Amino acid sequence: MAKVGSIKADRLLDVFKNFFKKQYLIEEGDYGLQVIDDSVRIESPQFVIVSNPPPPVPDPDIFVMDMNWTGGVAPKSRQTATLDMTFGFKHPEAISRDFNARIITVPASTPLTINVPEGKIAAAKSGNRVIVTSNPFSLDNSGSYSFTCSVDDQNQVKETVETNNTFEKVLMVGEYVYDVTLDRFFLEPLSSTVRKGGIFTF
């Protein structure tokens, strides 16, 4: 300030403040800043790098796209089977932890919990979807079952939309029937053959 005087220094400070306040949107790059009083340089150049911060990542969205029996074949009652769940995402890169999906059925059966791990979420970044297979389970009766899947029902992940986390689908369970076919048979005597009066007795 001594070099330019207090009045001119205050005026220069105002210019700098207004520049950075009103002219903030400058291109990224390397810059050299120096102070010049008319044509006399009074401060050596100071090199700075200007980089615009990346825009914030939007909150993600998770939803169930489909559910099917693994292999596409309906199991029989009391037969062990698994479900393939297709989860869809918007901005999966914003999900920093695993989450759970809960499945209930009508008629009622033991609820299922499916964990979607971080590795699966990372794999979803390329196509915004991933398939997760449930643990094996069985249903006691045959017929049609209404499956309801609620994803992130504990609100473990903050989402842009919280109203699309439920998915329903009816899947069939076949009837388990024993199918026995007589292929061949043999006759064996219960005791040694004895001939009495021309009659064989066993």
N, C-alpha and C. Protein backbone atom coordinates (compact mmCIF):
# COMPACT_ATOMS: atom_id res chain seq x y z
N MET A 1 0.81 -1.19 0.00
CA MET A 1 0.00 0.00 0.00
C MET A 1 0.86 1.25 0.00
N ALA A 2 2.03 1.14 0.59
CA ALA A 2 2.90 2.31 0.65
C ALA A 2 3.34 2.73 -0.73
N LYS A 3 3.43 1.77 -1.68
CA LYS A 3 3.93 2.09 -3.02
C LYS A 3 2.91 2.86 -3.84
N VAL A 4 1.63 2.62 -3.61
CA VAL A 4 0.61 3.25 -4.46
C VAL A 4 -0.23 4.25 -3.69
N GLY A 5 -0.08 4.30 -2.37
CA GLY A 5 -0.88 5.23 -1.59
C GLY A 5 -2.17 4.55 -1.12
N SER A 6 -2.65 5.01 0.03
CA SER A 6 -3.81 4.36 0.63
C SER A 6 -5.07 4.52 -0.21
N ILE A 7 -5.26 5.69 -0.84
CA ILE A 7 -6.48 5.92 -1.62
C ILE A 7 -6.50 5.01 -2.85
N LYS A 8 -5.39 4.99 -3.58
CA LYS A 8 -5.33 4.15 -4.77
C LYS A 8 -5.37 2.67 -4.40
N ALA A 9 -4.78 2.30 -3.27
CA ALA A 9 -4.80 0.91 -2.84
C ALA A 9 -6.23 0.46 -2.56
N ASP A 10 -7.00 1.32 -1.87
CA ASP A 10 -8.40 0.97 -1.61
C ASP A 10 -9.17 0.80 -2.90
N ARG A 11 -8.89 1.70 -3.87
CA ARG A 11 -9.59 1.61 -5.15
C ARG A 11 -9.22 0.31 -5.88
N LEU A 12 -7.95 -0.06 -5.82
CA LEU A 12 -7.52 -1.31 -6.46
C LEU A 12 -8.17 -2.53 -5.78
N LEU A 13 -8.26 -2.48 -4.45
CA LEU A 13 -8.89 -3.58 -3.74
C LEU A 13 -10.35 -3.74 -4.15
N ASP A 14 -11.03 -2.61 -4.33
CA ASP A 14 -12.42 -2.67 -4.78
C ASP A 14 -12.52 -3.29 -6.17
N VAL A 15 -11.59 -2.93 -7.04
CA VAL A 15 -11.59 -3.50 -8.39
C VAL A 15 -11.42 -5.02 -8.33
N PHE A 16 -10.47 -5.46 -7.50
CA PHE A 16 -10.23 -6.90 -7.39
C PHE A 16 -11.46 -7.62 -6.84
N LYS A 17 -12.06 -7.03 -5.80
CA LYS A 17 -13.23 -7.65 -5.20
C LYS A 17 -14.36 -7.76 -6.20
N ASN A 18 -14.59 -6.69 -6.95
CA ASN A 18 -15.67 -6.71 -7.93
C ASN A 18 -15.37 -7.69 -9.06
N PHE A 19 -14.10 -7.80 -9.43
CA PHE A 19 -13.75 -8.72 -10.50
C PHE A 19 -14.09 -10.15 -10.11
N PHE A 20 -13.65 -10.55 -8.92
CA PHE A 20 -13.90 -11.93 -8.51
C PHE A 20 -15.36 -12.17 -8.12
N LYS A 21 -16.06 -11.11 -7.78
CA LYS A 21 -17.46 -11.27 -7.42
C LYS A 21 -18.35 -11.30 -8.65
N LYS A 22 -18.08 -10.43 -9.62
CA LYS A 22 -18.95 -10.30 -10.78
C LYS A 22 -18.42 -11.06 -12.00
N GLN A 23 -17.13 -11.28 -12.06
CA GLN A 23 -16.53 -11.93 -13.22
C GLN A 23 -15.98 -13.30 -12.86
N TYR A 24 -16.65 -13.99 -11.94
CA TYR A 24 -16.12 -15.26 -11.43
C TYR A 24 -16.04 -16.32 -12.50
N LEU A 25 -16.98 -16.37 -13.44
CA LEU A 25 -17.03 -17.44 -14.43
C LEU A 25 -15.97 -17.21 -15.51
N ILE A 26 -14.76 -17.63 -15.21
CA ILE A 26 -13.68 -17.56 -16.19
C ILE A 26 -13.28 -18.97 -16.56
N GLU A 27 -12.64 -19.10 -17.71
CA GLU A 27 -12.28 -20.43 -18.19
C GLU A 27 -11.19 -21.04 -17.31
N GLU A 28 -11.21 -22.37 -17.29
CA GLU A 28 -10.17 -23.08 -16.55
C GLU A 28 -8.82 -22.87 -17.24
N GLY A 29 -7.77 -22.87 -16.44
CA GLY A 29 -6.44 -22.75 -17.01
C GLY A 29 -5.46 -22.19 -16.00
N ASP A 30 -4.23 -21.93 -16.49
CA ASP A 30 -3.17 -21.33 -15.67
C ASP A 30 -3.11 -19.84 -15.95
N TYR A 31 -3.02 -19.07 -14.88
CA TYR A 31 -3.01 -17.62 -15.01
C TYR A 31 -1.87 -17.03 -14.20
N GLY A 32 -1.38 -15.89 -14.68
CA GLY A 32 -0.39 -15.11 -13.93
C GLY A 32 -1.02 -13.79 -13.53
N LEU A 33 -1.04 -13.49 -12.26
CA LEU A 33 -1.62 -12.25 -11.75
C LEU A 33 -0.50 -11.32 -11.32
N GLN A 34 -0.59 -10.05 -11.74
CA GLN A 34 0.37 -9.06 -11.30
C GLN A 34 -0.33 -7.72 -11.12
N VAL A 35 0.23 -6.88 -10.28
CA VAL A 35 -0.33 -5.57 -9.99
C VAL A 35 0.49 -4.52 -10.73
N ILE A 36 -0.18 -3.67 -11.49
CA ILE A 36 0.48 -2.62 -12.26
C ILE A 36 -0.16 -1.29 -11.91
N ASP A 37 0.66 -0.32 -11.58
CA ASP A 37 0.21 1.05 -11.35
C ASP A 37 0.52 1.83 -12.61
N ASP A 38 -0.54 2.06 -13.42
CA ASP A 38 -0.36 2.64 -14.74
C ASP A 38 0.55 1.71 -15.54
N SER A 39 1.76 2.11 -15.83
CA SER A 39 2.66 1.27 -16.61
C SER A 39 3.77 0.67 -15.77
N VAL A 40 3.75 0.93 -14.49
CA VAL A 40 4.83 0.46 -13.62
C VAL A 40 4.34 -0.77 -12.86
N ARG A 41 5.07 -1.86 -13.02
CA ARG A 41 4.73 -3.07 -12.29
C ARG A 41 5.21 -2.95 -10.87
N ILE A 42 4.30 -3.11 -9.93
CA ILE A 42 4.66 -2.96 -8.53
C ILE A 42 4.61 -4.28 -7.78
N GLU A 43 4.24 -5.36 -8.46
CA GLU A 43 4.21 -6.67 -7.81
C GLU A 43 4.54 -7.73 -8.84
N SER A 44 5.42 -8.67 -8.48
CA SER A 44 5.80 -9.74 -9.40
C SER A 44 4.59 -10.64 -9.69
N PRO A 45 4.56 -11.28 -10.88
CA PRO A 45 3.42 -12.16 -11.22
C PRO A 45 3.28 -13.31 -10.22
N GLN A 46 2.06 -13.58 -9.87
CA GLN A 46 1.73 -14.72 -9.03
C GLN A 46 0.91 -15.71 -9.88
N PHE A 47 1.41 -16.93 -10.03
CA PHE A 47 0.77 -17.91 -10.89
C PHE A 47 -0.30 -18.68 -10.11
N VAL A 48 -1.47 -18.77 -10.72
CA VAL A 48 -2.58 -19.49 -10.09
C VAL A 48 -3.21 -20.41 -11.14
N ILE A 49 -3.85 -21.45 -10.66
CA ILE A 49 -4.58 -22.40 -11.51
C ILE A 49 -6.06 -22.27 -11.20
N VAL A 50 -6.84 -22.04 -12.24
CA VAL A 50 -8.29 -21.92 -12.07
C VAL A 50 -8.93 -23.21 -12.57
N SER A 51 -9.67 -23.88 -11.72
CA SER A 51 -10.38 -25.09 -12.13
C SER A 51 -11.79 -25.02 -11.56
N ASN A 52 -12.75 -25.24 -12.41
CA ASN A 52 -14.14 -25.21 -11.98
C ASN A 52 -14.47 -26.52 -11.27
N PRO A 53 -15.12 -26.46 -10.13
CA PRO A 53 -15.47 -27.69 -9.42
C PRO A 53 -16.49 -28.49 -10.22
N PRO A 54 -16.41 -29.83 -10.16
CA PRO A 54 -17.39 -30.65 -10.89
C PRO A 54 -18.78 -30.44 -10.30
N PRO A 55 -19.80 -30.57 -11.12
CA PRO A 55 -21.16 -30.42 -10.59
C PRO A 55 -21.47 -31.54 -9.61
N PRO A 56 -22.30 -31.27 -8.63
CA PRO A 56 -22.63 -32.33 -7.66
C PRO A 56 -23.37 -33.48 -8.33
N VAL A 57 -23.09 -34.70 -7.87
CA VAL A 57 -23.75 -35.88 -8.43
C VAL A 57 -25.18 -35.93 -7.90
N PRO A 58 -26.17 -36.09 -8.78
CA PRO A 58 -27.56 -36.16 -8.29
C PRO A 58 -27.76 -37.38 -7.40
N ASP A 59 -28.77 -37.30 -6.55
CA ASP A 59 -29.13 -38.46 -5.74
C ASP A 59 -29.56 -39.60 -6.65
N PRO A 60 -29.30 -40.84 -6.25
CA PRO A 60 -29.64 -41.99 -7.10
C PRO A 60 -31.12 -42.35 -7.01
N ASP A 61 -31.51 -43.31 -7.83
CA ASP A 61 -32.85 -43.89 -7.77
C ASP A 61 -32.71 -45.39 -7.98
N ILE A 62 -33.40 -46.17 -7.15
CA ILE A 62 -33.37 -47.63 -7.24
C ILE A 62 -34.79 -48.12 -7.45
N PHE A 63 -34.96 -49.08 -8.34
CA PHE A 63 -36.28 -49.65 -8.58
C PHE A 63 -36.13 -51.07 -9.09
N VAL A 64 -37.18 -51.88 -8.91
CA VAL A 64 -37.17 -53.26 -9.39
C VAL A 64 -37.81 -53.29 -10.77
N MET A 65 -37.11 -53.91 -11.71
CA MET A 65 -37.59 -53.99 -13.08
C MET A 65 -38.34 -55.29 -13.37
N ASP A 66 -37.89 -56.40 -12.74
CA ASP A 66 -38.53 -57.69 -13.04
C ASP A 66 -38.08 -58.71 -12.01
N MET A 67 -38.85 -59.81 -11.91
CA MET A 67 -38.45 -60.96 -11.10
C MET A 67 -38.94 -62.22 -11.81
N ASN A 68 -38.10 -63.23 -11.82
CA ASN A 68 -38.43 -64.49 -12.49
C ASN A 68 -37.77 -65.65 -11.76
N TRP A 69 -38.34 -66.84 -11.96
CA TRP A 69 -37.68 -68.03 -11.44
C TRP A 69 -36.35 -68.20 -12.18
N THR A 70 -35.31 -68.55 -11.45
CA THR A 70 -34.01 -68.78 -12.07
C THR A 70 -34.12 -69.91 -13.09
N GLY A 71 -33.63 -69.67 -14.30
CA GLY A 71 -33.72 -70.65 -15.36
C GLY A 71 -35.04 -70.61 -16.10
N GLY A 72 -36.01 -69.81 -15.64
CA GLY A 72 -37.29 -69.67 -16.32
C GLY A 72 -38.24 -70.84 -16.14
N VAL A 73 -37.92 -71.77 -15.23
CA VAL A 73 -38.77 -72.94 -15.02
C VAL A 73 -39.41 -72.84 -13.65
N ALA A 74 -40.75 -72.91 -13.60
CA ALA A 74 -41.46 -72.83 -12.33
C ALA A 74 -41.18 -74.06 -11.49
N PRO A 75 -40.86 -73.91 -10.23
CA PRO A 75 -40.60 -75.07 -9.37
C PRO A 75 -41.91 -75.73 -8.94
N LYS A 76 -41.78 -76.91 -8.38
CA LYS A 76 -42.92 -77.61 -7.79
C LYS A 76 -43.02 -77.22 -6.31
N SER A 77 -44.16 -77.45 -5.72
CA SER A 77 -44.32 -77.19 -4.30
C SER A 77 -43.33 -78.04 -3.50
N ARG A 78 -42.78 -77.42 -2.46
CA ARG A 78 -41.78 -78.04 -1.58
C ARG A 78 -40.47 -78.35 -2.30
N GLN A 79 -40.30 -77.80 -3.48
CA GLN A 79 -39.05 -77.98 -4.22
C GLN A 79 -38.23 -76.70 -4.10
N THR A 80 -36.94 -76.84 -3.81
CA THR A 80 -36.08 -75.68 -3.63
C THR A 80 -35.89 -74.93 -4.95
N ALA A 81 -35.98 -73.59 -4.88
CA ALA A 81 -35.83 -72.76 -6.08
C ALA A 81 -35.22 -71.43 -5.67
N THR A 82 -34.84 -70.63 -6.68
CA THR A 82 -34.33 -69.28 -6.44
C THR A 82 -34.99 -68.30 -7.41
N LEU A 83 -34.99 -67.04 -7.03
CA LEU A 83 -35.54 -65.97 -7.86
C LEU A 83 -34.40 -65.11 -8.40
N ASP A 84 -34.54 -64.68 -9.65
CA ASP A 84 -33.63 -63.70 -10.25
C ASP A 84 -34.33 -62.34 -10.23
N MET A 85 -33.74 -61.39 -9.51
CA MET A 85 -34.30 -60.06 -9.39
C MET A 85 -33.49 -59.10 -10.26
N THR A 86 -34.19 -58.34 -11.11
CA THR A 86 -33.53 -57.33 -11.94
C THR A 86 -33.77 -55.96 -11.33
N PHE A 87 -32.69 -55.33 -10.87
CA PHE A 87 -32.78 -54.00 -10.27
C PHE A 87 -32.31 -52.96 -11.28
N GLY A 88 -33.05 -51.86 -11.37
CA GLY A 88 -32.67 -50.74 -12.23
C GLY A 88 -32.17 -49.57 -11.38
N PHE A 89 -31.32 -48.75 -11.98
CA PHE A 89 -30.71 -47.63 -11.25
C PHE A 89 -30.68 -46.37 -12.12
N LYS A 90 -30.74 -45.25 -11.44
CA LYS A 90 -30.32 -43.97 -12.00
C LYS A 90 -29.21 -43.45 -11.11
N HIS A 91 -28.09 -43.11 -11.71
CA HIS A 91 -26.91 -42.63 -11.00
C HIS A 91 -26.45 -43.61 -9.92
N PRO A 92 -26.15 -44.86 -10.31
CA PRO A 92 -25.64 -45.82 -9.30
C PRO A 92 -24.31 -45.40 -8.70
N GLU A 93 -23.57 -44.52 -9.41
CA GLU A 93 -22.28 -44.07 -8.87
C GLU A 93 -22.45 -43.27 -7.57
N ALA A 94 -23.67 -42.79 -7.32
CA ALA A 94 -23.91 -42.03 -6.09
C ALA A 94 -24.26 -42.92 -4.91
N ILE A 95 -24.37 -44.23 -5.12
CA ILE A 95 -24.69 -45.16 -4.03
C ILE A 95 -23.39 -45.65 -3.42
N SER A 96 -23.19 -45.37 -2.15
CA SER A 96 -21.91 -45.65 -1.51
C SER A 96 -21.95 -46.87 -0.59
N ARG A 97 -23.07 -47.60 -0.57
CA ARG A 97 -23.17 -48.75 0.32
C ARG A 97 -24.14 -49.77 -0.26
N ASP A 98 -24.12 -50.98 0.31
CA ASP A 98 -25.06 -52.00 -0.13
C ASP A 98 -26.46 -51.68 0.41
N PHE A 99 -27.47 -52.38 -0.10
CA PHE A 99 -28.82 -52.19 0.39
C PHE A 99 -29.56 -53.51 0.27
N ASN A 100 -30.72 -53.60 0.91
CA ASN A 100 -31.51 -54.83 0.94
C ASN A 100 -32.83 -54.66 0.21
N ALA A 101 -33.35 -55.78 -0.28
CA ALA A 101 -34.69 -55.85 -0.84
C ALA A 101 -35.44 -56.96 -0.10
N ARG A 102 -36.70 -56.72 0.21
CA ARG A 102 -37.50 -57.67 0.98
C ARG A 102 -38.65 -58.18 0.11
N ILE A 103 -38.85 -59.50 0.12
CA ILE A 103 -39.89 -60.12 -0.71
C ILE A 103 -40.88 -60.85 0.18
N ILE A 104 -42.17 -60.55 0.00
CA ILE A 104 -43.24 -61.27 0.69
C ILE A 104 -44.17 -61.85 -0.37
N THR A 105 -44.95 -62.86 0.03
CA THR A 105 -45.83 -63.54 -0.92
C THR A 105 -47.26 -63.59 -0.38
N VAL A 106 -48.20 -63.71 -1.30
CA VAL A 106 -49.60 -64.02 -0.99
C VAL A 106 -50.01 -65.17 -1.88
N PRO A 107 -50.37 -66.35 -1.32
CA PRO A 107 -50.44 -66.74 0.08
C PRO A 107 -49.10 -66.56 0.81
N ALA A 108 -49.20 -66.36 2.12
CA ALA A 108 -48.03 -65.99 2.91
C ALA A 108 -47.04 -67.14 3.01
N SER A 109 -45.77 -66.78 2.98
CA SER A 109 -44.67 -67.71 3.21
C SER A 109 -43.59 -66.95 3.98
N THR A 110 -42.51 -67.60 4.28
CA THR A 110 -41.42 -66.93 5.00
C THR A 110 -40.84 -65.82 4.13
N PRO A 111 -40.78 -64.57 4.62
CA PRO A 111 -40.23 -63.47 3.81
C PRO A 111 -38.77 -63.72 3.44
N LEU A 112 -38.40 -63.21 2.28
CA LEU A 112 -37.03 -63.31 1.79
C LEU A 112 -36.35 -61.95 1.89
N THR A 113 -35.06 -61.95 2.21
CA THR A 113 -34.26 -60.73 2.17
C THR A 113 -33.12 -60.94 1.19
N ILE A 114 -33.02 -60.05 0.21
CA ILE A 114 -31.96 -60.12 -0.79
C ILE A 114 -31.02 -58.94 -0.57
N ASN A 115 -29.73 -59.22 -0.41
CA ASN A 115 -28.74 -58.16 -0.26
C ASN A 115 -28.11 -57.84 -1.61
N VAL A 116 -28.07 -56.56 -1.96
CA VAL A 116 -27.41 -56.11 -3.19
C VAL A 116 -26.08 -55.49 -2.77
N PRO A 117 -24.95 -56.19 -2.97
CA PRO A 117 -23.66 -55.71 -2.48
C PRO A 117 -23.10 -54.59 -3.34
N GLU A 118 -22.08 -53.93 -2.80
CA GLU A 118 -21.46 -52.80 -3.50
C GLU A 118 -20.88 -53.23 -4.85
N GLY A 119 -20.36 -54.45 -4.93
CA GLY A 119 -19.79 -54.92 -6.19
C GLY A 119 -20.83 -54.97 -7.30
N LYS A 120 -22.04 -55.43 -6.96
CA LYS A 120 -23.12 -55.47 -7.95
C LYS A 120 -23.53 -54.06 -8.36
N ILE A 121 -23.55 -53.14 -7.39
CA ILE A 121 -23.92 -51.76 -7.70
C ILE A 121 -22.89 -51.14 -8.64
N ALA A 122 -21.61 -51.40 -8.38
CA ALA A 122 -20.55 -50.88 -9.25
C ALA A 122 -20.69 -51.43 -10.66
N ALA A 123 -21.09 -52.71 -10.77
CA ALA A 123 -21.26 -53.32 -12.10
C ALA A 123 -22.43 -52.69 -12.84
N ALA A 124 -23.36 -52.09 -12.12
CA ALA A 124 -24.54 -51.50 -12.76
C ALA A 124 -24.23 -50.17 -13.44
N LYS A 125 -23.04 -49.61 -13.23
CA LYS A 125 -22.72 -48.31 -13.80
C LYS A 125 -22.69 -48.33 -15.32
N SER A 126 -22.42 -49.49 -15.92
CA SER A 126 -22.35 -49.56 -17.38
C SER A 126 -23.71 -49.62 -18.03
N GLY A 127 -24.64 -50.39 -17.46
CA GLY A 127 -25.96 -50.55 -18.07
C GLY A 127 -27.12 -50.11 -17.21
N ASN A 128 -26.82 -49.57 -16.01
CA ASN A 128 -27.84 -49.08 -15.09
C ASN A 128 -28.83 -50.18 -14.67
N ARG A 129 -28.39 -51.42 -14.69
CA ARG A 129 -29.22 -52.52 -14.20
C ARG A 129 -28.31 -53.67 -13.78
N VAL A 130 -28.85 -54.53 -12.90
CA VAL A 130 -28.08 -55.68 -12.45
C VAL A 130 -29.07 -56.75 -12.01
N ILE A 131 -28.68 -58.02 -12.16
CA ILE A 131 -29.50 -59.16 -11.74
C ILE A 131 -28.88 -59.79 -10.51
N VAL A 132 -29.68 -59.97 -9.47
CA VAL A 132 -29.23 -60.57 -8.23
C VAL A 132 -30.11 -61.79 -7.95
N THR A 133 -29.48 -62.92 -7.62
CA THR A 133 -30.21 -64.16 -7.34
C THR A 133 -30.43 -64.32 -5.85
N SER A 134 -31.64 -64.72 -5.48
CA SER A 134 -31.98 -64.90 -4.06
C SER A 134 -31.35 -66.16 -3.50
N ASN A 135 -31.41 -66.29 -2.21
CA ASN A 135 -31.03 -67.55 -1.57
C ASN A 135 -32.10 -68.61 -1.89
N PRO A 136 -31.75 -69.90 -1.87
CA PRO A 136 -32.75 -70.94 -2.15
C PRO A 136 -33.87 -70.94 -1.10
N PHE A 137 -35.09 -71.21 -1.56
CA PHE A 137 -36.25 -71.31 -0.68
C PHE A 137 -37.27 -72.22 -1.34
N SER A 138 -38.33 -72.56 -0.62
CA SER A 138 -39.37 -73.40 -1.18
C SER A 138 -40.73 -72.91 -0.70
N LEU A 139 -41.78 -73.26 -1.44
CA LEU A 139 -43.15 -72.92 -1.10
C LEU A 139 -43.94 -74.21 -0.89
N ASP A 140 -44.79 -74.20 0.12
CA ASP A 140 -45.44 -75.44 0.53
C ASP A 140 -46.55 -75.90 -0.41
N ASN A 141 -47.21 -74.97 -1.07
CA ASN A 141 -48.37 -75.32 -1.87
C ASN A 141 -48.20 -74.91 -3.33
N SER A 142 -48.93 -75.56 -4.20
CA SER A 142 -48.91 -75.22 -5.62
C SER A 142 -49.93 -74.12 -5.89
N GLY A 143 -49.84 -73.56 -7.10
CA GLY A 143 -50.78 -72.52 -7.50
C GLY A 143 -50.06 -71.21 -7.81
N SER A 144 -50.84 -70.14 -7.90
CA SER A 144 -50.27 -68.83 -8.22
C SER A 144 -49.93 -68.08 -6.93
N TYR A 145 -48.77 -67.45 -6.92
CA TYR A 145 -48.32 -66.66 -5.78
C TYR A 145 -48.06 -65.22 -6.26
N SER A 146 -48.55 -64.26 -5.49
CA SER A 146 -48.26 -62.86 -5.76
C SER A 146 -47.03 -62.47 -4.95
N PHE A 147 -45.95 -62.14 -5.66
CA PHE A 147 -44.70 -61.73 -5.02
C PHE A 147 -44.62 -60.20 -5.00
N THR A 148 -44.32 -59.64 -3.84
CA THR A 148 -44.12 -58.19 -3.70
C THR A 148 -42.70 -57.94 -3.21
N CYS A 149 -41.95 -57.19 -3.98
CA CYS A 149 -40.56 -56.86 -3.63
C CYS A 149 -40.49 -55.38 -3.26
N SER A 150 -40.01 -55.10 -2.05
CA SER A 150 -39.80 -53.73 -1.59
C SER A 150 -38.30 -53.49 -1.49
N VAL A 151 -37.80 -52.58 -2.30
CA VAL A 151 -36.37 -52.32 -2.34
C VAL A 151 -36.04 -51.14 -1.42
N ASP A 152 -34.96 -51.30 -0.65
CA ASP A 152 -34.50 -50.26 0.26
C ASP A 152 -35.62 -49.80 1.18
N ASP A 153 -36.34 -50.77 1.77
CA ASP A 153 -37.48 -50.41 2.62
C ASP A 153 -37.04 -49.80 3.95
N GLN A 154 -35.75 -49.90 4.29
CA GLN A 154 -35.24 -49.27 5.50
C GLN A 154 -34.62 -47.90 5.22
N ASN A 155 -34.78 -47.41 3.98
CA ASN A 155 -34.24 -46.09 3.58
C ASN A 155 -32.75 -45.97 3.89
N GLN A 156 -32.02 -47.02 3.50
CA GLN A 156 -30.57 -46.99 3.68
C GLN A 156 -29.90 -46.06 2.66
N VAL A 157 -30.58 -45.81 1.54
CA VAL A 157 -30.03 -44.97 0.48
C VAL A 157 -30.97 -43.79 0.25
N LYS A 158 -30.44 -42.58 0.25
CA LYS A 158 -31.24 -41.40 -0.05
C LYS A 158 -31.46 -41.34 -1.56
N GLU A 159 -32.73 -41.32 -1.98
CA GLU A 159 -33.07 -41.37 -3.39
C GLU A 159 -33.83 -40.13 -3.83
N THR A 160 -33.79 -39.89 -5.14
CA THR A 160 -34.56 -38.78 -5.70
C THR A 160 -36.05 -39.10 -5.70
N VAL A 161 -36.39 -40.39 -5.88
CA VAL A 161 -37.79 -40.83 -5.88
C VAL A 161 -37.92 -41.97 -4.89
N GLU A 162 -38.81 -41.84 -3.94
CA GLU A 162 -39.02 -42.88 -2.93
C GLU A 162 -40.34 -43.61 -3.13
N THR A 163 -41.06 -43.30 -4.21
CA THR A 163 -42.40 -43.87 -4.41
C THR A 163 -42.41 -45.01 -5.43
N ASN A 164 -41.25 -45.37 -5.97
CA ASN A 164 -41.20 -46.44 -6.98
C ASN A 164 -40.40 -47.64 -6.49
N ASN A 165 -40.42 -47.88 -5.18
CA ASN A 165 -39.58 -48.92 -4.60
C ASN A 165 -40.30 -50.25 -4.41
N THR A 166 -41.55 -50.36 -4.91
CA THR A 166 -42.31 -51.60 -4.74
C THR A 166 -42.68 -52.17 -6.11
N PHE A 167 -42.54 -53.49 -6.23
CA PHE A 167 -42.81 -54.18 -7.49
C PHE A 167 -43.58 -55.46 -7.18
N GLU A 168 -44.62 -55.75 -7.96
CA GLU A 168 -45.43 -56.95 -7.75
C GLU A 168 -45.48 -57.78 -9.03
N LYS A 169 -45.49 -59.11 -8.85
CA LYS A 169 -45.61 -60.01 -9.99
C LYS A 169 -46.15 -61.35 -9.50
N VAL A 170 -47.02 -61.95 -10.33
CA VAL A 170 -47.59 -63.27 -10.02
C VAL A 170 -46.75 -64.34 -10.70
N LEU A 171 -46.31 -65.32 -9.91
CA LEU A 171 -45.53 -66.44 -10.43
C LEU A 171 -46.21 -67.74 -10.03
N MET A 172 -46.07 -68.74 -10.87
CA MET A 172 -46.73 -70.03 -10.64
C MET A 172 -45.80 -71.01 -9.93
N VAL A 173 -46.41 -71.84 -9.10
CA VAL A 173 -45.71 -72.95 -8.44
C VAL A 173 -46.46 -74.23 -8.81
N GLY A 174 -45.76 -75.19 -9.38
CA GLY A 174 -46.40 -76.42 -9.83
C GLY A 174 -46.71 -77.37 -8.70
N GLU A 175 -47.50 -78.40 -9.01
CA GLU A 175 -47.86 -79.41 -8.01
C GLU A 175 -46.89 -80.56 -8.09
N TYR A 176 -46.37 -80.94 -6.93
CA TYR A 176 -45.42 -82.04 -6.89
C TYR A 176 -46.20 -83.36 -6.88
N VAL A 177 -46.03 -84.19 -7.92
CA VAL A 177 -46.74 -85.45 -8.07
C VAL A 177 -45.73 -86.57 -8.25
N TYR A 178 -45.91 -87.64 -7.48
CA TYR A 178 -45.05 -88.80 -7.65
C TYR A 178 -45.46 -89.51 -8.93
N ASP A 179 -44.55 -89.80 -9.77
CA ASP A 179 -44.80 -90.48 -11.04
C ASP A 179 -44.00 -91.78 -11.06
N VAL A 180 -44.70 -92.90 -10.85
CA VAL A 180 -44.03 -94.20 -10.77
C VAL A 180 -44.46 -95.05 -11.95
N THR A 181 -43.50 -95.62 -12.65
CA THR A 181 -43.78 -96.48 -13.79
C THR A 181 -43.19 -97.86 -13.52
N LEU A 182 -44.00 -98.91 -13.73
CA LEU A 182 -43.53 -100.28 -13.56
C LEU A 182 -42.75 -100.68 -14.79
N ASP A 183 -41.48 -100.88 -14.60
CA ASP A 183 -40.61 -101.16 -15.73
C ASP A 183 -40.48 -102.67 -15.97
N ARG A 184 -40.27 -103.45 -14.94
CA ARG A 184 -40.14 -104.91 -15.06
C ARG A 184 -40.41 -105.55 -13.70
N PHE A 185 -40.70 -106.83 -13.69
CA PHE A 185 -40.92 -107.53 -12.43
C PHE A 185 -40.43 -108.96 -12.56
N PHE A 186 -40.19 -109.60 -11.40
CA PHE A 186 -39.69 -110.97 -11.35
C PHE A 186 -40.52 -111.76 -10.33
N LEU A 187 -40.66 -113.10 -10.58
CA LEU A 187 -41.31 -114.00 -9.65
C LEU A 187 -40.25 -114.89 -9.01
N GLU A 188 -40.26 -114.91 -7.73
CA GLU A 188 -39.32 -115.76 -7.01
C GLU A 188 -40.10 -116.60 -6.01
N PRO A 189 -39.79 -117.92 -5.87
CA PRO A 189 -40.49 -118.78 -4.89
C PRO A 189 -40.15 -118.36 -3.48
N LEU A 190 -41.15 -118.51 -2.64
CA LEU A 190 -40.90 -118.21 -1.23
C LEU A 190 -40.19 -119.34 -0.53
N SER A 191 -40.34 -120.57 -1.08
CA SER A 191 -39.63 -121.73 -0.52
C SER A 191 -39.28 -122.67 -1.66
N SER A 192 -38.56 -123.71 -1.36
CA SER A 192 -38.17 -124.66 -2.42
C SER A 192 -39.40 -125.28 -3.07
N THR A 193 -39.32 -125.55 -4.35
CA THR A 193 -40.44 -126.14 -5.08
C THR A 193 -40.61 -127.61 -4.68
N VAL A 194 -41.85 -128.03 -4.35
CA VAL A 194 -42.12 -129.40 -3.94
C VAL A 194 -43.21 -129.97 -4.87
N ARG A 195 -42.97 -131.15 -5.45
CA ARG A 195 -43.95 -131.78 -6.33
C ARG A 195 -44.72 -132.86 -5.58
N LYS A 196 -46.03 -132.63 -5.52
CA LYS A 196 -46.92 -133.62 -4.86
C LYS A 196 -48.05 -133.99 -5.80
N GLY A 197 -48.02 -135.24 -6.23
CA GLY A 197 -49.11 -135.74 -7.10
C GLY A 197 -49.19 -134.96 -8.39
N GLY A 198 -48.04 -134.60 -8.96
CA GLY A 198 -48.07 -133.88 -10.23
C GLY A 198 -48.36 -132.40 -10.09
N ILE A 199 -48.49 -131.89 -8.82
CA ILE A 199 -48.79 -130.47 -8.61
C ILE A 199 -47.58 -129.83 -7.94
N PHE A 200 -47.15 -128.74 -8.51
CA PHE A 200 -46.05 -128.00 -7.92
C PHE A 200 -46.61 -127.03 -6.88
N THR A 201 -46.02 -127.13 -5.74
CA THR A 201 -46.41 -126.17 -4.70
C THR A 201 -45.21 -125.30 -4.34
N PHE A 202 -45.53 -124.06 -3.98
CA PHE A 202 -44.47 -123.13 -3.65
C PHE A 202 -44.57 -122.73 -2.19
